[in-house]
Amino acid sequence: MKLISAIVKPFKLDEVREALASIGIQGMTVTDVRGFGRQKGHTELYRGAEYVVDFLPKTKIEVAIADELLEQAIEAIGKSASTGKIGDGKIFIVDLEQVIRIRTGETGTEAL
C-alpha cells in the first residue's frame, strides 16, 4: 500500500478529484496549505503599499491506495494538476505499513 501526498494549485483540486475518481479511487483528504519552492513568492499591491507574499496558497491531497493503482494515480494527478507553468506542485509517495478502518476493524487493502 502507498500514501500519495500531492501539492497542487488550489483551482486544480476538482480536476484532480475527478481524475482519481475515474480510476476508482474513492477517498482522499484535502488540506489548504501554504508554501514556496522555485516560485519564491511574489509582490502584491495593497492600498498603495507594495508587500512580498513569501508563502503561496496550495492544496495538499492525500490518498491511500493499493500498490496496483500507483502508476494510474500518479498519471491521473500529473495530467490533471498540470498547467505547464512554475508552481504546479509535487507528488510524494510513501510506503504504508498498515491501514485500519476504525469502524469495522478491517485492515490492509480491505480498509482502503
PDB file of N, CA and C in Angstrom:
ATOM      1  N   MET A   1       0.837  -1.171   0.000  1.00  0.00           N
ATOM      2  CA  MET A   1       0.000   0.000   0.000  1.00  0.00           C
ATOM      3  C   MET A   1       0.883   1.235   0.000  1.00  0.00           C
ATOM      4  N   LYS A   2       0.375   2.299  -0.579  1.00  0.00           N
ATOM      5  CA  LYS A   2       1.128   3.545  -0.693  1.00  0.00           C
ATOM      6  C   LYS A   2       0.274   4.712  -0.218  1.00  0.00           C
ATOM      7  N   LEU A   3       0.940   5.740   0.259  1.00  0.00           N
ATOM      8  CA  LEU A   3       0.293   7.005   0.585  1.00  0.00           C
ATOM      9  C   LEU A   3       0.842   8.042  -0.382  1.00  0.00           C
ATOM     10  N   ILE A   4      -0.044   8.618  -1.173  1.00  0.00           N
ATOM     11  CA  ILE A   4       0.343   9.672  -2.106  1.00  0.00           C
ATOM     12  C   ILE A   4      -0.032  11.007  -1.487  1.00  0.00           C
ATOM     13  N   SER A   5       0.933  11.900  -1.403  1.00  0.00           N
ATOM     14  CA  SER A   5       0.694  13.283  -0.989  1.00  0.00           C
ATOM     15  C   SER A   5       1.029  14.161  -2.181  1.00  0.00           C
ATOM     16  N   ALA A   6       0.047  14.885  -2.662  1.00  0.00           N
ATOM     17  CA  ALA A   6       0.250  15.755  -3.817  1.00  0.00           C
ATOM     18  C   ALA A   6      -0.027  17.194  -3.406  1.00  0.00           C
ATOM     19  N   ILE A   7       0.891  18.077  -3.738  1.00  0.00           N
ATOM     20  CA  ILE A   7       0.717  19.512  -3.507  1.00  0.00           C
ATOM     21  C   ILE A   7       0.393  20.123  -4.867  1.00  0.00           C
ATOM     22  N   VAL A   8      -0.788  20.735  -4.990  1.00  0.00           N
ATOM     23  CA  VAL A   8      -1.235  21.269  -6.277  1.00  0.00           C
ATOM     24  C   VAL A   8      -1.783  22.682  -6.098  1.00  0.00           C
ATOM     25  N   LYS A   9      -1.994  23.353  -7.212  1.00  0.00           N
ATOM     26  CA  LYS A   9      -2.623  24.669  -7.172  1.00  0.00           C
ATOM     27  C   LYS A   9      -4.093  24.496  -6.767  1.00  0.00           C
ATOM     28  N   PRO A  10      -4.611  25.387  -5.924  1.00  0.00           N
ATOM     29  CA  PRO A  10      -5.973  25.216  -5.401  1.00  0.00           C
ATOM     30  C   PRO A  10      -7.061  25.072  -6.466  1.00  0.00           C
ATOM     31  N   PHE A  11      -6.962  25.786  -7.581  1.00  0.00           N
ATOM     32  CA  PHE A  11      -8.005  25.715  -8.588  1.00  0.00           C
ATOM     33  C   PHE A  11      -7.988  24.405  -9.378  1.00  0.00           C
ATOM     34  N   LYS A  12      -6.972  23.569  -9.158  1.00  0.00           N
ATOM     35  CA  LYS A  12      -6.873  22.275  -9.835  1.00  0.00           C
ATOM     36  C   LYS A  12      -7.478  21.134  -9.010  1.00  0.00           C
ATOM     37  N   LEU A  13      -7.964  21.419  -7.804  1.00  0.00           N
ATOM     38  CA  LEU A  13      -8.475  20.377  -6.920  1.00  0.00           C
ATOM     39  C   LEU A  13      -9.592  19.560  -7.553  1.00  0.00           C
ATOM     40  N   ASP A  14     -10.596  20.211  -8.120  1.00  0.00           N
ATOM     41  CA  ASP A  14     -11.725  19.477  -8.699  1.00  0.00           C
ATOM     42  C   ASP A  14     -11.289  18.572  -9.843  1.00  0.00           C
ATOM     43  N   GLU A  15     -10.378  19.048 -10.667  1.00  0.00           N
ATOM     44  CA  GLU A  15      -9.886  18.229 -11.780  1.00  0.00           C
ATOM     45  C   GLU A  15      -9.145  16.997 -11.275  1.00  0.00           C
ATOM     46  N   VAL A  16      -8.334  17.168 -10.236  1.00  0.00           N
ATOM     47  CA  VAL A  16      -7.596  16.044  -9.666  1.00  0.00           C
ATOM     48  C   VAL A  16      -8.570  15.052  -9.035  1.00  0.00           C
ATOM     49  N   ARG A  17      -9.554  15.546  -8.298  1.00  0.00           N
ATOM     50  CA  ARG A  17     -10.547  14.674  -7.661  1.00  0.00           C
ATOM     51  C   ARG A  17     -11.284  13.845  -8.699  1.00  0.00           C
ATOM     52  N   GLU A  18     -11.720  14.487  -9.783  1.00  0.00           N
ATOM     53  CA  GLU A  18     -12.433  13.780 -10.848  1.00  0.00           C
ATOM     54  C   GLU A  18     -11.534  12.744 -11.524  1.00  0.00           C
ATOM     55  N   ALA A  19     -10.262  13.076 -11.745  1.00  0.00           N
ATOM     56  CA  ALA A  19      -9.331  12.144 -12.384  1.00  0.00           C
ATOM     57  C   ALA A  19      -9.105  10.918 -11.505  1.00  0.00           C
ATOM     58  N   LEU A  20      -8.968  11.124 -10.199  1.00  0.00           N
ATOM     59  CA  LEU A  20      -8.777   9.996  -9.290  1.00  0.00           C
ATOM     60  C   LEU A  20     -10.049   9.155  -9.182  1.00  0.00           C
ATOM     61  N   ALA A  21     -11.198   9.800  -9.158  1.00  0.00           N
ATOM     62  CA  ALA A  21     -12.464   9.059  -9.103  1.00  0.00           C
ATOM     63  C   ALA A  21     -12.651   8.207 -10.354  1.00  0.00           C
ATOM     64  N   SER A  22     -12.189   8.695 -11.491  1.00  0.00           N
ATOM     65  CA  SER A  22     -12.365   7.960 -12.746  1.00  0.00           C
ATOM     66  C   SER A  22     -11.548   6.665 -12.798  1.00  0.00           C
ATOM     67  N   ILE A  23     -10.495   6.552 -11.973  1.00  0.00           N
ATOM     68  CA  ILE A  23      -9.718   5.307 -11.940  1.00  0.00           C
ATOM     69  C   ILE A  23     -10.098   4.445 -10.737  1.00  0.00           C
ATOM     70  N   GLY A  24     -11.128   4.859  -9.992  1.00  0.00           N
ATOM     71  CA  GLY A  24     -11.645   4.030  -8.915  1.00  0.00           C
ATOM     72  C   GLY A  24     -11.166   4.353  -7.521  1.00  0.00           C
ATOM     73  N   ILE A  25     -10.507   5.476  -7.352  1.00  0.00           N
ATOM     74  CA  ILE A  25     -10.070   5.876  -6.008  1.00  0.00           C
ATOM     75  C   ILE A  25     -11.213   6.631  -5.354  1.00  0.00           C
ATOM     76  N   GLN A  26     -11.635   6.141  -4.173  1.00  0.00           N
ATOM     77  CA  GLN A  26     -12.863   6.632  -3.566  1.00  0.00           C
ATOM     78  C   GLN A  26     -12.673   7.722  -2.529  1.00  0.00           C
ATOM     79  N   GLY A  27     -11.605   7.708  -1.777  1.00  0.00           N
ATOM     80  CA  GLY A  27     -11.462   8.663  -0.691  1.00  0.00           C
ATOM     81  C   GLY A  27     -10.173   9.437  -0.757  1.00  0.00           C
ATOM     82  N   MET A  28     -10.193  10.627  -0.190  1.00  0.00           N
ATOM     83  CA  MET A  28      -8.993  11.461  -0.121  1.00  0.00           C
ATOM     84  C   MET A  28      -9.155  12.452   1.009  1.00  0.00           C
ATOM     85  N   THR A  29      -8.033  12.958   1.462  1.00  0.00           N
ATOM     86  CA  THR A  29      -8.015  14.020   2.458  1.00  0.00           C
ATOM     87  C   THR A  29      -7.412  15.247   1.792  1.00  0.00           C
ATOM     88  N   VAL A  30      -8.069  16.399   1.989  1.00  0.00           N
ATOM     89  CA  VAL A  30      -7.622  17.642   1.363  1.00  0.00           C
ATOM     90  C   VAL A  30      -7.352  18.678   2.449  1.00  0.00           C
ATOM     91  N   THR A  31      -6.205  19.338   2.340  1.00  0.00           N
ATOM     92  CA  THR A  31      -5.814  20.361   3.301  1.00  0.00           C
ATOM     93  C   THR A  31      -5.357  21.601   2.543  1.00  0.00           C
ATOM     94  N   ASP A  32      -5.812  22.770   2.985  1.00  0.00           N
ATOM     95  CA  ASP A  32      -5.294  24.018   2.429  1.00  0.00           C
ATOM     96  C   ASP A  32      -3.979  24.321   3.131  1.00  0.00           C
ATOM     97  N   VAL A  33      -2.917  24.494   2.332  1.00  0.00           N
ATOM     98  CA  VAL A  33      -1.587  24.740   2.872  1.00  0.00           C
ATOM     99  C   VAL A  33      -0.970  25.943   2.174  1.00  0.00           C
ATOM    100  N   ARG A  34       0.174  26.391   2.685  1.00  0.00           N
ATOM    101  CA  ARG A  34       0.932  27.455   2.043  1.00  0.00           C
ATOM    102  C   ARG A  34       2.375  27.029   1.951  1.00  0.00           C
ATOM    103  N   GLY A  35       3.044  27.454   0.895  1.00  0.00           N
ATOM    104  CA  GLY A  35       4.442  27.092   0.754  1.00  0.00           C
ATOM    105  C   GLY A  35       5.072  27.778  -0.438  1.00  0.00           C
ATOM    106  N   PHE A  36       6.348  27.486  -0.643  1.00  0.00           N
ATOM    107  CA  PHE A  36       7.029  28.012  -1.815  1.00  0.00           C
ATOM    108  C   PHE A  36       8.138  27.065  -2.212  1.00  0.00           C
ATOM    109  N   GLY A  37       8.486  27.122  -3.460  1.00  0.00           N
ATOM    110  CA  GLY A  37       9.595  26.352  -3.999  1.00  0.00           C
ATOM    111  C   GLY A  37      10.389  27.278  -4.889  1.00  0.00           C
ATOM    112  N   ARG A  38      10.458  26.939  -6.151  1.00  0.00           N
ATOM    113  CA  ARG A  38      11.196  27.790  -7.091  1.00  0.00           C
ATOM    114  C   ARG A  38      10.484  29.107  -7.358  1.00  0.00           C
ATOM    115  N   GLN A  39       9.171  29.144  -7.107  1.00  0.00           N
ATOM    116  CA  GLN A  39       8.416  30.381  -7.331  1.00  0.00           C
ATOM    117  C   GLN A  39       8.914  31.513  -6.433  1.00  0.00           C
ATOM    118  N   LYS A  40       9.280  31.160  -5.215  1.00  0.00           N
ATOM    119  CA  LYS A  40       9.798  32.112  -4.234  1.00  0.00           C
ATOM    120  C   LYS A  40       8.854  33.269  -3.949  1.00  0.00           C
ATOM    121  N   GLY A  41       7.552  33.052  -4.061  1.00  0.00           N
ATOM    122  CA  GLY A  41       6.591  34.089  -3.722  1.00  0.00           C
ATOM    123  C   GLY A  41       6.483  35.158  -4.797  1.00  0.00           C
ATOM    124  N   HIS A  42       5.808  36.239  -4.455  1.00  0.00           N
ATOM    125  CA  HIS A  42       5.639  37.348  -5.384  1.00  0.00           C
ATOM    126  C   HIS A  42       5.283  38.607  -4.597  1.00  0.00           C
ATOM    127  N   THR A  43       5.268  39.753  -5.277  1.00  0.00           N
ATOM    128  CA  THR A  43       4.893  41.008  -4.621  1.00  0.00           C
ATOM    129  C   THR A  43       3.480  41.380  -5.023  1.00  0.00           C
ATOM    130  N   GLU A  44       2.763  41.995  -4.081  1.00  0.00           N
ATOM    131  CA  GLU A  44       1.402  42.455  -4.331  1.00  0.00           C
ATOM    132  C   GLU A  44       1.279  43.898  -3.873  1.00  0.00           C
ATOM    133  N   LEU A  45       0.286  44.565  -4.417  1.00  0.00           N
ATOM    134  CA  LEU A  45      -0.008  45.940  -4.044  1.00  0.00           C
ATOM    135  C   LEU A  45      -1.294  45.957  -3.239  1.00  0.00           C
ATOM    136  N   TYR A  46      -1.290  46.579  -2.054  1.00  0.00           N
ATOM    137  CA  TYR A  46      -2.486  46.701  -1.230  1.00  0.00           C
ATOM    138  C   TYR A  46      -2.563  48.125  -0.709  1.00  0.00           C
ATOM    139  N   ARG A  47      -3.580  48.842  -1.114  1.00  0.00           N
ATOM    140  CA  ARG A  47      -3.785  50.240  -0.711  1.00  0.00           C
ATOM    141  C   ARG A  47      -2.538  51.092  -0.943  1.00  0.00           C
ATOM    142  N   GLY A  48      -1.941  50.880  -2.087  1.00  0.00           N
ATOM    143  CA  GLY A  48      -0.793  51.681  -2.471  1.00  0.00           C
ATOM    144  C   GLY A  48       0.538  51.216  -1.926  1.00  0.00           C
ATOM    145  N   ALA A  49       0.515  50.241  -1.012  1.00  0.00           N
ATOM    146  CA  ALA A  49       1.771  49.747  -0.441  1.00  0.00           C
ATOM    147  C   ALA A  49       2.112  48.401  -1.080  1.00  0.00           C
ATOM    148  N   GLU A  50       3.363  48.258  -1.419  1.00  0.00           N
ATOM    149  CA  GLU A  50       3.821  47.000  -2.008  1.00  0.00           C
ATOM    150  C   GLU A  50       4.367  46.102  -0.905  1.00  0.00           C
ATOM    151  N   TYR A  51       3.962  44.837  -0.925  1.00  0.00           N
ATOM    152  CA  TYR A  51       4.499  43.896   0.060  1.00  0.00           C
ATOM    153  C   TYR A  51       4.760  42.546  -0.595  1.00  0.00           C
ATOM    154  N   VAL A  52       5.617  41.759   0.038  1.00  0.00           N
ATOM    155  CA  VAL A  52       6.046  40.474  -0.511  1.00  0.00           C
ATOM    156  C   VAL A  52       5.213  39.352   0.112  1.00  0.00           C
ATOM    157  N   VAL A  53       4.690  38.486  -0.737  1.00  0.00           N
ATOM    158  CA  VAL A  53       3.990  37.291  -0.292  1.00  0.00           C
ATOM    159  C   VAL A  53       4.973  36.132  -0.461  1.00  0.00           C
ATOM    160  N   ASP A  54       5.533  35.660   0.660  1.00  0.00           N
ATOM    161  CA  ASP A  54       6.537  34.589   0.612  1.00  0.00           C
ATOM    162  C   ASP A  54       5.907  33.226   0.388  1.00  0.00           C
ATOM    163  N   PHE A  55       4.814  32.947   1.082  1.00  0.00           N
ATOM    164  CA  PHE A  55       4.177  31.638   1.009  1.00  0.00           C
ATOM    165  C   PHE A  55       2.910  31.735   0.171  1.00  0.00           C
ATOM    166  N   LEU A  56       2.840  30.900  -0.851  1.00  0.00           N
ATOM    167  CA  LEU A  56       1.708  30.920  -1.767  1.00  0.00           C
ATOM    168  C   LEU A  56       0.694  29.852  -1.375  1.00  0.00           C
ATOM    169  N   PRO A  57      -0.598  30.117  -1.592  1.00  0.00           N
ATOM    170  CA  PRO A  57      -1.614  29.122  -1.247  1.00  0.00           C
ATOM    171  C   PRO A  57      -1.519  27.899  -2.161  1.00  0.00           C
ATOM    172  N   LYS A  58      -1.578  26.730  -1.561  1.00  0.00           N
ATOM    173  CA  LYS A  58      -1.556  25.456  -2.277  1.00  0.00           C
ATOM    174  C   LYS A  58      -2.593  24.540  -1.640  1.00  0.00           C
ATOM    175  N   THR A  59      -2.858  23.415  -2.275  1.00  0.00           N
ATOM    176  CA  THR A  59      -3.755  22.411  -1.739  1.00  0.00           C
ATOM    177  C   THR A  59      -3.005  21.092  -1.659  1.00  0.00           C
ATOM    178  N   LYS A  60      -3.088  20.449  -0.493  1.00  0.00           N
ATOM    179  CA  LYS A  60      -2.441  19.157  -0.302  1.00  0.00           C
ATOM    180  C   LYS A  60      -3.509  18.069  -0.336  1.00  0.00           C
ATOM    181  N   ILE A  61      -3.295  17.086  -1.203  1.00  0.00           N
ATOM    182  CA  ILE A  61      -4.216  15.966  -1.354  1.00  0.00           C
ATOM    183  C   ILE A  61      -3.486  14.713  -0.883  1.00  0.00           C
ATOM    184  N   GLU A  62      -4.116  13.968   0.011  1.00  0.00           N
ATOM    185  CA  GLU A  62      -3.532  12.721   0.485  1.00  0.00           C
ATOM    186  C   GLU A  62      -4.468  11.576   0.144  1.00  0.00           C
ATOM    187  N   VAL A  63      -3.907  10.523  -0.450  1.00  0.00           N
ATOM    188  CA  VAL A  63      -4.686   9.371  -0.893  1.00  0.00           C
ATOM    189  C   VAL A  63      -3.924   8.100  -0.540  1.00  0.00           C
ATOM    190  N   ALA A  64      -4.587   7.190   0.162  1.00  0.00           N
ATOM    191  CA  ALA A  64      -4.007   5.878   0.438  1.00  0.00           C
ATOM    192  C   ALA A  64      -4.544   4.907  -0.604  1.00  0.00           C
ATOM    193  N   ILE A  65      -3.642   4.193  -1.280  1.00  0.00           N
ATOM    194  CA  ILE A  65      -4.058   3.315  -2.374  1.00  0.00           C
ATOM    195  C   ILE A  65      -3.338   1.974  -2.316  1.00  0.00           C
ATOM    196  N   ALA A  66      -3.916   1.005  -3.015  1.00  0.00           N
ATOM    197  CA  ALA A  66      -3.264  -0.292  -3.191  1.00  0.00           C
ATOM    198  C   ALA A  66      -2.130  -0.125  -4.198  1.00  0.00           C
ATOM    199  N   ASP A  67      -1.117  -0.966  -4.085  1.00  0.00           N
ATOM    200  CA  ASP A  67       0.075  -0.863  -4.940  1.00  0.00           C
ATOM    201  C   ASP A  67      -0.265  -0.900  -6.430  1.00  0.00           C
ATOM    202  N   GLU A  68      -1.260  -1.701  -6.809  1.00  0.00           N
ATOM    203  CA  GLU A  68      -1.561  -1.851  -8.236  1.00  0.00           C
ATOM    204  C   GLU A  68      -2.172  -0.600  -8.874  1.00  0.00           C
ATOM    205  N   LEU A  69      -2.636   0.353  -8.066  1.00  0.00           N
ATOM    206  CA  LEU A  69      -3.195   1.599  -8.612  1.00  0.00           C
ATOM    207  C   LEU A  69      -2.178   2.739  -8.673  1.00  0.00           C
ATOM    208  N   LEU A  70      -0.961   2.493  -8.203  1.00  0.00           N
ATOM    209  CA  LEU A  70       0.019   3.568  -8.052  1.00  0.00           C
ATOM    210  C   LEU A  70       0.311   4.307  -9.359  1.00  0.00           C
ATOM    211  N   GLU A  71       0.685   3.591 -10.397  1.00  0.00           N
ATOM    212  CA  GLU A  71       1.053   4.252 -11.658  1.00  0.00           C
ATOM    213  C   GLU A  71      -0.121   5.018 -12.257  1.00  0.00           C
ATOM    214  N   GLN A  72      -1.319   4.441 -12.199  1.00  0.00           N
ATOM    215  CA  GLN A  72      -2.511   5.133 -12.714  1.00  0.00           C
ATOM    216  C   GLN A  72      -2.778   6.412 -11.926  1.00  0.00           C
ATOM    217  N   ALA A  73      -2.619   6.347 -10.603  1.00  0.00           N
ATOM    218  CA  ALA A  73      -2.875   7.514  -9.760  1.00  0.00           C
ATOM    219  C   ALA A  73      -1.868   8.617 -10.033  1.00  0.00           C
ATOM    220  N   ILE A  74      -0.586   8.260 -10.176  1.00  0.00           N
ATOM    221  CA  ILE A  74       0.444   9.253 -10.467  1.00  0.00           C
ATOM    222  C   ILE A  74       0.147   9.936 -11.801  1.00  0.00           C
ATOM    223  N   GLU A  75      -0.215   9.152 -12.800  1.00  0.00           N
ATOM    224  CA  GLU A  75      -0.527   9.715 -14.118  1.00  0.00           C
ATOM    225  C   GLU A  75      -1.754  10.611 -14.055  1.00  0.00           C
ATOM    226  N   ALA A  76      -2.791  10.180 -13.330  1.00  0.00           N
ATOM    227  CA  ALA A  76      -4.018  10.967 -13.214  1.00  0.00           C
ATOM    228  C   ALA A  76      -3.759  12.305 -12.531  1.00  0.00           C
ATOM    229  N   ILE A  77      -2.998  12.273 -11.439  1.00  0.00           N
ATOM    230  CA  ILE A  77      -2.692  13.516 -10.725  1.00  0.00           C
ATOM    231  C   ILE A  77      -1.817  14.421 -11.591  1.00  0.00           C
ATOM    232  N   GLY A  78      -0.781  13.851 -12.183  1.00  0.00           N
ATOM    233  CA  GLY A  78       0.133  14.643 -13.009  1.00  0.00           C
ATOM    234  C   GLY A  78      -0.555  15.340 -14.161  1.00  0.00           C
ATOM    235  N   LYS A  79      -1.400  14.618 -14.885  1.00  0.00           N
ATOM    236  CA  LYS A  79      -2.091  15.219 -16.035  1.00  0.00           C
ATOM    237  C   LYS A  79      -3.123  16.252 -15.615  1.00  0.00           C
ATOM    238  N   SER A  80      -3.887  15.946 -14.568  1.00  0.00           N
ATOM    239  CA  SER A  80      -4.973  16.851 -14.188  1.00  0.00           C
ATOM    240  C   SER A  80      -4.482  18.092 -13.446  1.00  0.00           C
ATOM    241  N   ALA A  81      -3.335  18.020 -12.768  1.00  0.00           N
ATOM    242  CA  ALA A  81      -2.833  19.164 -11.998  1.00  0.00           C
ATOM    243  C   ALA A  81      -1.905  20.056 -12.802  1.00  0.00           C
ATOM    244  N   SER A  82      -1.495  19.617 -13.966  1.00  0.00           N
ATOM    245  CA  SER A  82      -0.500  20.359 -14.730  1.00  0.00           C
ATOM    246  C   SER A  82      -1.087  21.563 -15.469  1.00  0.00           C
ATOM    247  N   THR A  83      -0.378  22.685 -15.356  1.00  0.00           N
ATOM    248  CA  THR A  83      -0.693  23.866 -16.168  1.00  0.00           C
ATOM    249  C   THR A  83       0.470  24.151 -17.111  1.00  0.00           C
ATOM    250  N   GLY A  84       1.605  23.499 -16.860  1.00  0.00           N
ATOM    251  CA  GLY A  84       2.798  23.738 -17.653  1.00  0.00           C
ATOM    252  C   GLY A  84       3.606  24.932 -17.183  1.00  0.00           C
ATOM    253  N   LYS A  85       3.201  25.524 -16.056  1.00  0.00           N
ATOM    254  CA  LYS A  85       3.899  26.695 -15.527  1.00  0.00           C
ATOM    255  C   LYS A  85       4.539  26.360 -14.195  1.00  0.00           C
ATOM    256  N   ILE A  86       5.465  27.201 -13.772  1.00  0.00           N
ATOM    257  CA  ILE A  86       6.132  27.014 -12.492  1.00  0.00           C
ATOM    258  C   ILE A  86       5.093  27.034 -11.372  1.00  0.00           C
ATOM    259  N   GLY A  87       5.299  26.189 -10.353  1.00  0.00           N
ATOM    260  CA  GLY A  87       4.391  26.152  -9.214  1.00  0.00           C
ATOM    261  C   GLY A  87       3.277  25.136  -9.336  1.00  0.00           C
ATOM    262  N   ASP A  88       3.360  24.228 -10.326  1.00  0.00           N
ATOM    263  CA  ASP A  88       2.318  23.208 -10.483  1.00  0.00           C
ATOM    264  C   ASP A  88       2.274  22.247  -9.302  1.00  0.00           C
ATOM    265  N   GLY A  89       3.368  22.059  -8.597  1.00  0.00           N
ATOM    266  CA  GLY A  89       3.354  21.237  -7.397  1.00  0.00           C
ATOM    267  C   GLY A  89       4.254  20.031  -7.468  1.00  0.00           C
ATOM    268  N   LYS A  90       4.044  19.124  -6.521  1.00  0.00           N
ATOM    269  CA  LYS A  90       4.858  17.916  -6.399  1.00  0.00           C
ATOM    270  C   LYS A  90       3.960  16.754  -5.982  1.00  0.00           C
ATOM    271  N   ILE A  91       4.449  15.536  -6.263  1.00  0.00           N
ATOM    272  CA  ILE A  91       3.792  14.310  -5.812  1.00  0.00           C
ATOM    273  C   ILE A  91       4.811  13.532  -4.992  1.00  0.00           C
ATOM    274  N   PHE A  92       4.428  13.156  -3.771  1.00  0.00           N
ATOM    275  CA  PHE A  92       5.284  12.372  -2.891  1.00  0.00           C
ATOM    276  C   PHE A  92       4.611  11.019  -2.658  1.00  0.00           C
ATOM    277  N   ILE A  93       5.399   9.939  -2.664  1.00  0.00           N
ATOM    278  CA  ILE A  93       4.871   8.600  -2.452  1.00  0.00           C
ATOM    279  C   ILE A  93       5.620   7.956  -1.290  1.00  0.00           C
ATOM    280  N   VAL A  94       4.852   7.421  -0.343  1.00  0.00           N
ATOM    281  CA  VAL A  94       5.411   6.811   0.852  1.00  0.00           C
ATOM    282  C   VAL A  94       4.783   5.427   1.037  1.00  0.00           C
ATOM    283  N   ASP A  95       5.580   4.455   1.464  1.00  0.00           N
ATOM    284  CA  ASP A  95       5.039   3.130   1.781  1.00  0.00           C
ATOM    285  C   ASP A  95       4.180   3.200   3.037  1.00  0.00           C
ATOM    286  N   LEU A  96       3.037   2.512   2.999  1.00  0.00           N
ATOM    287  CA  LEU A  96       2.174   2.393   4.172  1.00  0.00           C
ATOM    288  C   LEU A  96       2.354   1.006   4.762  1.00  0.00           C
ATOM    289  N   GLU A  97       2.698   0.956   6.014  1.00  0.00           N
ATOM    290  CA  GLU A  97       2.902  -0.334   6.667  1.00  0.00           C
ATOM    291  C   GLU A  97       1.576  -1.006   6.989  1.00  0.00           C
ATOM    292  N   GLN A  98       0.608  -0.248   7.486  1.00  0.00           N
ATOM    293  CA  GLN A  98      -0.672  -0.820   7.886  1.00  0.00           C
ATOM    294  C   GLN A  98      -1.764   0.236   7.794  1.00  0.00           C
ATOM    295  N   VAL A  99      -2.973  -0.196   7.453  1.00  0.00           N
ATOM    296  CA  VAL A  99      -4.153   0.663   7.444  1.00  0.00           C
ATOM    297  C   VAL A  99      -5.239  -0.071   8.215  1.00  0.00           C
ATOM    298  N   ILE A 100      -5.930   0.641   9.096  1.00  0.00           N
ATOM    299  CA  ILE A 100      -7.005   0.035   9.885  1.00  0.00           C
ATOM    300  C   ILE A 100      -8.225   0.935   9.804  1.00  0.00           C
ATOM    301  N   ARG A 101      -9.360   0.352   9.411  1.00  0.00           N
ATOM    302  CA  ARG A 101     -10.624   1.100   9.427  1.00  0.00           C
ATOM    303  C   ARG A 101     -11.164   1.031  10.851  1.00  0.00           C
ATOM    304  N   ILE A 102     -11.338   2.166  11.470  1.00  0.00           N
ATOM    305  CA  ILE A 102     -11.742   2.234  12.875  1.00  0.00           C
ATOM    306  C   ILE A 102     -13.120   1.604  13.099  1.00  0.00           C
ATOM    307  N   ARG A 103     -14.077   1.905  12.262  1.00  0.00           N
ATOM    308  CA  ARG A 103     -15.448   1.440  12.461  1.00  0.00           C
ATOM    309  C   ARG A 103     -15.559  -0.076  12.463  1.00  0.00           C
ATOM    310  N   THR A 104     -14.924  -0.743  11.517  1.00  0.00           N
ATOM    311  CA  THR A 104     -15.092  -2.190  11.345  1.00  0.00           C
ATOM    312  C   THR A 104     -13.908  -3.016  11.820  1.00  0.00           C
ATOM    313  N   GLY A 105     -12.757  -2.392  11.991  1.00  0.00           N
ATOM    314  CA  GLY A 105     -11.562  -3.130  12.359  1.00  0.00           C
ATOM    315  C   GLY A 105     -10.858  -3.780  11.192  1.00  0.00           C
ATOM    316  N   GLU A 106     -11.359  -3.546   9.946  1.00  0.00           N
ATOM    317  CA  GLU A 106     -10.716  -4.107   8.762  1.00  0.00           C
ATOM    318  C   GLU A 106      -9.286  -3.561   8.659  1.00  0.00           C
ATOM    319  N   THR A 107      -8.391  -4.407   8.117  1.00  0.00           N
ATOM    320  CA  THR A 107      -7.008  -3.988   7.966  1.00  0.00           C
ATOM    321  C   THR A 107      -6.549  -4.198   6.529  1.00  0.00           C
ATOM    322  N   GLY A 108      -5.406  -3.592   6.209  1.00  0.00           N
ATOM    323  CA  GLY A 108      -4.820  -3.761   4.882  1.00  0.00           C
ATOM    324  C   GLY A 108      -5.656  -3.127   3.779  1.00  0.00           C
ATOM    325  N   THR A 109      -5.607  -3.735   2.592  1.00  0.00           N
ATOM    326  CA  THR A 109      -6.317  -3.150   1.441  1.00  0.00           C
ATOM    327  C   THR A 109      -7.828  -3.157   1.626  1.00  0.00           C
ATOM    328  N   GLU A 110      -8.362  -4.061   2.471  1.00  0.00           N
ATOM    329  CA  GLU A 110      -9.813  -4.050   2.719  1.00  0.00           C
ATOM    330  C   GLU A 110     -10.236  -2.757   3.426  1.00  0.00           C
ATOM    331  N   ALA A 111      -9.323  -2.169   4.176  1.00  0.00           N
ATOM    332  CA  ALA A 111      -9.628  -0.930   4.907  1.00  0.00           C
ATOM    333  C   ALA A 111      -9.607   0.298   3.991  1.00  0.00           C
ATOM    334  N   LEU A 112      -9.017   0.144   2.825  1.00  0.00           N
ATOM    335  CA  LEU A 112      -8.958   1.281   1.898  1.00  0.00           C
ATOM    336  C   LEU A 112     -10.320   1.470   1.255  1.00  0.00           C
TER     337      LEU A 112
END
